[in-house]
Protein backbone atom coordinates (compact mmCIF):
# COMPACT_ATOMS: atom_id res chain seq x y z
CA MET A 1 112.03 122.49 113.96
CA LYS A 2 114.08 119.39 113.15
CA SER A 3 116.20 119.29 110.03
CA ASN A 4 115.45 116.95 107.14
CA LEU A 5 118.43 114.84 108.16
CA GLU A 6 117.14 114.47 111.72
CA ILE A 7 113.63 113.57 110.53
CA LYS A 8 114.96 110.91 108.15
CA LYS A 9 117.22 109.53 110.89
CA GLU A 10 114.26 109.18 113.23
CA ALA A 11 112.15 107.51 110.52
CA LYS A 12 114.92 105.00 109.84
CA GLU A 13 115.10 104.15 113.53
CA VAL A 14 111.35 103.49 113.63
CA LEU A 15 111.50 101.28 110.56
CA ALA A 16 114.51 99.38 111.91
CA LEU A 17 112.78 98.83 115.25
CA GLU A 18 109.64 97.49 113.59
CA ALA A 19 111.65 95.31 111.22
CA GLN A 20 113.47 93.80 114.21
CA ALA A 21 110.16 93.11 115.90
CA ILE A 22 108.91 91.22 112.85
CA GLN A 23 112.13 89.23 112.60
CA ARG A 24 111.79 88.33 116.28
CA LEU A 25 108.37 86.77 115.59
CA ALA A 26 110.10 83.92 113.76
CA ASP A 27 111.74 82.89 117.02
CA LEU A 28 108.41 83.10 118.86
CA LEU A 29 106.61 80.67 116.56
CA THR A 30 105.56 77.41 118.18
CA ASP A 31 103.64 74.34 117.09
CA ASP A 32 100.49 76.27 117.98
CA PHE A 33 100.88 78.22 114.74
CA ALA A 34 100.96 75.03 112.66
CA GLU A 35 98.02 73.60 114.59
CA VAL A 36 95.98 76.73 113.92
CA VAL A 37 96.70 76.44 110.19
CA LYS A 38 95.69 72.78 110.13
CA SER A 39 92.56 73.46 112.18
CA ILE A 40 91.43 76.23 109.83
CA LEU A 41 92.02 74.03 106.80
CA THR A 42 89.52 71.48 108.14
CA LEU A 43 87.20 74.07 109.66
CA PRO A 44 83.57 73.62 108.55
CA GLY A 45 82.78 77.18 109.62
CA ARG A 46 84.49 80.54 109.30
CA VAL A 47 87.30 82.36 111.03
CA VAL A 48 85.94 85.12 113.28
CA VAL A 49 88.60 87.75 114.07
CA THR A 50 88.01 90.16 116.94
CA GLY A 51 89.79 92.92 118.83
CA ILE A 52 89.44 96.34 120.42
CA GLY A 53 91.02 99.69 119.55
CA LYS A 54 94.00 99.52 117.18
CA SER A 55 93.90 95.71 117.37
CA ALA A 56 90.39 95.86 115.91
CA ILE A 57 91.71 97.75 112.89
CA ILE A 58 94.42 95.14 112.35
CA ALA A 59 91.81 92.41 112.80
CA GLN A 60 89.78 93.90 109.94
CA LYS A 61 92.83 93.86 107.69
CA ILE A 62 93.53 90.22 108.57
CA VAL A 63 89.93 89.35 107.72
CA ALA A 64 90.27 91.09 104.35
CA THR A 65 93.47 89.17 103.56
CA LEU A 66 92.02 85.83 104.63
CA ASN A 67 88.89 86.34 102.53
CA SER A 68 90.85 87.38 99.45
CA THR A 69 93.07 84.30 99.68
CA GLY A 70 90.35 81.69 100.09
CA THR A 71 89.64 81.51 103.85
CA PRO A 72 86.08 82.64 104.71
CA SER A 73 86.35 85.14 107.56
CA ILE A 74 84.36 87.84 109.35
CA PHE A 75 85.24 90.65 111.75
CA MET A 76 83.54 91.07 115.12
CA HIS A 77 84.30 94.10 117.29
CA ALA A 78 85.05 92.94 120.82
CA ALA A 79 83.01 95.72 122.42
CA ASP A 80 79.97 95.11 120.21
CA ALA A 81 80.12 91.35 120.69
CA VAL A 82 78.56 91.43 124.16
CA HIS A 83 75.81 93.74 122.90
CA GLY A 84 74.36 91.38 120.32
CA ASP A 85 77.09 90.66 117.79
CA LEU A 86 77.84 87.31 119.41
CA GLY A 87 74.89 86.13 117.35
CA MET A 88 77.08 86.12 114.23
CA ILE A 89 79.21 83.29 115.61
CA GLN A 90 78.26 79.78 114.57
CA LYS A 91 79.28 76.66 116.45
CA GLU A 92 81.63 75.56 113.63
CA ASP A 93 83.58 78.85 113.69
CA MET A 94 87.04 79.49 115.11
CA ILE A 95 87.76 82.73 116.98
CA ILE A 96 91.02 84.66 116.69
CA ALA A 97 91.26 87.41 119.34
CA LEU A 98 93.87 90.16 118.96
CA SER A 99 95.19 92.02 121.96
CA LYS A 100 98.54 93.44 122.98
CA SER A 101 98.01 93.08 126.73
CA GLY A 102 95.41 90.32 126.69
CA ASN A 103 93.90 91.94 129.76
CA THR A 104 91.63 94.67 128.41
CA PRO A 105 88.19 94.86 130.08
CA GLU A 106 86.38 94.12 126.83
CA ILE A 107 88.42 90.97 126.26
CA LYS A 108 87.88 89.81 129.84
CA VAL A 109 84.13 90.19 129.41
CA LEU A 110 84.04 88.55 125.97
CA VAL A 111 86.24 85.49 126.48
CA PRO A 112 84.00 83.65 129.01
CA PHE A 113 81.07 83.86 126.60
CA LEU A 114 83.26 82.47 123.81
CA LYS A 115 84.33 79.60 126.06
CA GLN A 116 80.70 78.80 126.87
CA ARG A 117 79.99 78.39 123.16
CA GLU A 118 82.88 75.88 122.90
CA ASN A 119 84.40 77.58 119.87
CA LYS A 120 88.13 77.10 119.47
CA LEU A 121 89.89 80.27 120.62
CA VAL A 122 93.19 81.55 119.25
CA ALA A 123 94.97 84.31 121.16
CA LEU A 124 97.08 86.53 118.91
CA VAL A 125 98.53 88.27 121.92
CA GLY A 126 101.54 90.21 123.16
CA ASN A 127 101.49 88.77 126.69
CA LYS A 128 101.58 85.00 127.18
CA ASP A 129 100.75 85.39 130.88
CA SER A 130 97.58 87.37 130.20
CA PHE A 131 93.98 86.42 130.84
CA LEU A 132 93.36 85.93 127.10
CA ALA A 133 96.39 83.71 126.62
CA LYS A 134 95.50 81.49 129.57
CA GLN A 135 91.97 80.97 128.26
CA ALA A 136 92.97 80.29 124.65
CA ASP A 137 93.30 76.92 122.96
CA TYR A 138 96.22 78.22 120.88
CA ILE A 139 98.64 81.11 121.39
CA LEU A 140 100.27 83.12 118.61
CA ASP A 141 102.88 85.18 120.43
CA THR A 142 103.24 88.73 119.05
CA SER A 143 105.07 90.24 122.01
CA VAL A 144 107.45 93.12 121.30
CA GLU A 145 110.26 94.60 123.38
CA ARG A 146 108.97 98.16 123.02
CA GLU A 147 106.78 100.37 120.88
CA ALA A 148 108.32 102.63 118.25
CA CYS A 149 106.51 105.48 119.96
CA PRO A 150 109.13 107.49 121.94
CA ASN A 151 106.88 107.24 125.00
CA ASN A 152 106.47 103.50 124.48
CA LEU A 153 102.70 104.00 124.54
CA ALA A 154 101.09 104.35 121.08
CA PRO A 155 100.54 100.94 119.42
CA THR A 156 103.11 100.92 116.63
CA THR A 157 105.55 98.04 116.79
CA SER A 158 102.91 95.84 118.44
CA THR A 159 100.32 96.38 115.71
CA THR A 160 102.98 95.81 113.06
CA ALA A 161 103.74 92.47 114.70
CA GLN A 162 100.04 91.57 114.74
CA LEU A 163 99.72 92.46 111.08
CA ALA A 164 102.76 90.40 110.12
CA MET A 165 101.53 87.37 112.07
CA GLY A 166 98.16 87.65 110.33
CA ASP A 167 99.89 87.76 106.96
CA ALA A 168 101.96 84.70 107.83
CA LEU A 169 98.79 82.85 108.76
CA ALA A 170 97.00 83.86 105.56
CA VAL A 171 99.91 82.94 103.30
CA CYS A 172 100.39 79.53 104.94
CA LEU A 173 96.68 78.83 104.45
CA GLN A 174 96.84 80.05 100.86
CA THR A 175 99.76 77.76 100.09
CA ALA A 176 98.14 74.78 101.78
CA ARG A 177 94.96 75.32 99.75
CA HIS A 178 97.00 75.48 96.51
CA PHE A 179 95.34 78.84 95.93
CA THR A 180 96.42 79.92 92.42
CA ASP A 181 96.42 83.22 90.56
CA ARG A 182 93.21 82.06 88.85
CA ASP A 183 91.59 81.58 92.25
CA PHE A 184 92.83 85.01 93.28
CA ALA A 185 91.21 86.55 90.21
CA LYS A 186 87.83 85.09 91.19
CA TYR A 187 87.92 87.12 94.38
CA HIS A 188 89.26 90.27 92.69
CA PRO A 189 87.24 90.60 89.47
CA GLY A 190 87.05 94.38 89.72
CA GLY A 191 90.75 95.01 90.28
CA ALA A 192 93.49 95.49 87.73
CA LEU A 193 95.20 92.28 88.81
CA GLY A 194 92.02 90.28 88.49
CA LYS A 195 91.38 91.69 85.04
CA GLN A 196 94.84 90.58 83.94
CA LEU A 197 93.93 87.06 84.97
CA TYR A 198 90.47 86.71 83.45
CA LEU A 199 89.69 89.47 80.91
CA LYS A 200 89.88 88.15 77.35
CA VAL A 201 90.75 89.99 74.17
CA SER A 202 87.27 89.35 72.76
CA ASP A 203 85.71 91.00 75.84
CA LEU A 204 87.22 94.27 74.68
CA SER A 205 87.41 93.97 70.90
CA GLY A 206 83.75 92.97 70.76
CA LEU A 207 82.85 96.52 71.83
CA ASN A 208 84.80 98.14 68.99
CA GLY A 209 83.05 96.87 65.90
CA CYS A 210 84.86 95.25 63.01
CA PRO A 211 86.38 97.81 60.61
CA SER A 212 87.39 96.34 57.26
CA VAL A 213 87.86 97.29 53.63
CA LEU A 214 88.35 95.31 50.45
CA PRO A 215 91.77 95.40 48.82
CA THR A 216 90.18 97.14 45.81
CA ASP A 217 88.53 99.90 47.85
CA LYS A 218 89.78 103.38 47.11
CA VAL A 219 91.83 105.35 49.63
CA ARG A 220 88.90 107.68 50.32
CA GLN A 221 86.75 104.76 51.49
CA THR A 222 89.63 103.47 53.56
CA ILE A 223 90.06 106.80 55.36
CA ILE A 224 86.29 107.02 55.97
CA THR A 225 86.31 103.54 57.53
CA ILE A 226 89.26 104.34 59.80
CA THR A 227 87.60 107.59 60.90
CA LYS A 228 84.22 105.94 61.53
CA PHE A 229 85.51 103.30 63.96
CA ARG A 230 88.08 105.56 65.68
CA LEU A 231 90.55 102.75 66.24
CA GLY A 232 93.33 104.21 64.15
CA ALA A 233 93.26 101.28 61.76
CA THR A 234 91.23 98.99 59.55
CA ALA A 235 91.79 95.46 58.36
CA VAL A 236 92.01 94.63 54.66
CA VAL A 237 89.91 91.52 54.13
CA GLU A 238 88.86 89.47 51.11
CA ASN A 239 86.88 86.23 51.21
CA ASP A 240 87.23 86.10 55.01
CA THR A 241 91.02 86.19 54.67
CA ILE A 242 93.07 88.94 56.28
CA LEU A 243 95.40 90.42 53.69
CA GLY A 244 96.78 93.31 55.70
CA ILE A 245 96.17 96.32 57.92
CA ILE A 246 96.04 100.04 57.22
CA THR A 247 96.81 102.36 60.12
CA ASP A 248 96.83 106.13 60.52
CA GLY A 249 100.57 105.91 60.00
CA ASP A 250 100.13 104.14 56.68
CA VAL A 251 97.78 106.91 55.53
CA ARG A 252 100.27 109.63 56.52
CA ARG A 253 103.11 107.87 54.73
CA MET A 254 100.92 107.53 51.63
CA LEU A 255 100.28 111.28 51.62
CA GLU A 256 103.99 112.00 52.05
CA ASN A 257 105.00 109.71 49.17
CA ASN A 258 102.23 110.35 46.62
CA GLU A 259 101.10 113.56 44.96
CA GLU A 260 98.10 111.88 43.33
CA ILE A 261 96.10 109.47 45.47
CA THR A 262 92.81 109.22 43.58
CA ASP A 263 93.60 105.90 41.93
CA LEU A 264 95.30 104.30 44.93
CA THR A 265 93.54 101.36 46.58
CA ALA A 266 93.75 99.73 49.99
CA LYS A 267 96.03 97.04 48.62
CA ASP A 268 98.52 99.70 47.50
CA ILE A 269 99.06 101.17 50.97
CA MET A 270 98.36 98.32 53.39
CA SER A 271 100.97 96.65 55.58
CA THR A 272 101.07 92.94 54.98
CA ASN A 273 101.52 90.27 57.68
CA PRO A 274 99.83 92.32 60.42
CA LYS A 275 100.14 91.31 64.07
CA LYS A 276 97.14 89.23 65.13
CA ILE A 277 95.81 87.69 68.31
CA GLU A 278 93.02 85.21 69.01
CA GLY A 279 90.02 86.59 70.85
CA SER A 280 90.28 83.77 73.37
CA GLU A 281 93.69 85.04 74.55
CA LEU A 282 93.99 87.05 77.76
CA ALA A 283 93.87 90.79 77.20
CA VAL A 284 97.15 91.19 79.08
CA ASN A 285 98.82 89.09 76.37
CA ALA A 286 97.65 91.64 73.81
CA LEU A 287 99.39 94.30 75.88
CA HIS A 288 102.61 92.30 75.85
CA MET A 289 102.45 91.95 72.05
CA MET A 290 101.81 95.67 71.55
CA ARG A 291 104.75 96.58 73.74
CA GLN A 292 107.00 94.01 72.08
CA HIS A 293 106.28 95.35 68.58
CA ASN A 294 105.74 98.99 69.61
CA ILE A 295 102.26 99.18 68.09
CA SER A 296 98.89 100.49 69.29
CA GLN A 297 96.46 97.90 67.95
CA LEU A 298 96.15 94.25 67.01
CA LEU A 299 93.80 92.48 64.64
CA VAL A 300 91.66 89.99 66.52
CA THR A 301 90.77 86.61 65.07
CA ASP A 302 88.25 83.93 65.91
CA ASN A 303 89.52 80.52 64.82
CA GLY A 304 91.66 82.32 62.27
CA GLY A 305 88.89 84.49 60.85
CA TYR A 306 88.89 88.27 61.32
CA SER A 307 86.65 89.43 64.19
CA GLY A 308 87.80 92.93 65.11
CA ILE A 309 90.54 95.15 66.56
CA ILE A 310 91.83 95.65 70.07
CA HIS A 311 93.43 99.03 70.80
CA ILE A 312 95.86 99.93 73.55
CA GLN A 313 93.31 102.46 74.81
CA ASP A 314 90.94 99.57 75.54
CA LEU A 315 93.52 98.15 77.92
CA LEU A 316 94.17 101.55 79.46
CA LYS A 317 90.47 102.03 80.22
CA GLU A 318 90.38 98.69 82.06
CA GLY A 319 93.43 99.60 84.12
CA ILE A 320 95.48 96.70 82.74
CA ILE A 321 98.40 98.90 81.75
């Protein structure tokens, strides 16, 4: 069995070889790449990405990236295409076909049918002299000098090159569309990143209730209120004005400093000038405030009036932290 040092050495060689292959792609770029970007930007239809074997897997990833960055795309397996899936292609669509050799039987069968439909065909191919390349309207050259596989057989470096070229295409389209983080959030509403970009403080605090006590309320009532809402705090409010906050920590300090607590009121133990945030603010901004001040909750306001509490656990549940 190889030693750890030998295994790490081999891994570094693979990574270096694949990195070199990606760097080489920059020298292989032609005006065809720019023309593909411009064509997709004015495309009335979708981008249909197809391939066979490992190239089909990369094609699916490219489709996912294009869709998430504002370019409508679908995947079509090259083998299934000639058994009915050609029906998914519309006349306004552009086809991107992935293949290392450009000469696989499935590609040779598929391409003539694509040409009959007069769809623009882009060859993302590792052989510019192949059947696919010669039939394509545009060529994106992803040729590599060798695979990282020691037998130079298993698709490794070649699929990495395909993936990188797909990313370059998606990013150039994203930039040209002026696709912002807000746009990204629309396509990722369920993810943590999307939530950071659209989830508001009020979306979370509205589920917590609105714990509050009067400044004249006794400590017992204050503790009952904090316990009832399970937020570790309550606001002290009078005439719709926030006077302060009482947290679990304030209660513990009160018990440490006072033998007799019967006559103490909320006003006696509250912290004045509590940290507040408007409900219309992004929830991620609440996280930043909590971290900045090393606290676990913020009072939430609506046009200045008290409307509830947001707790750091609310952010944790949504995966924002």
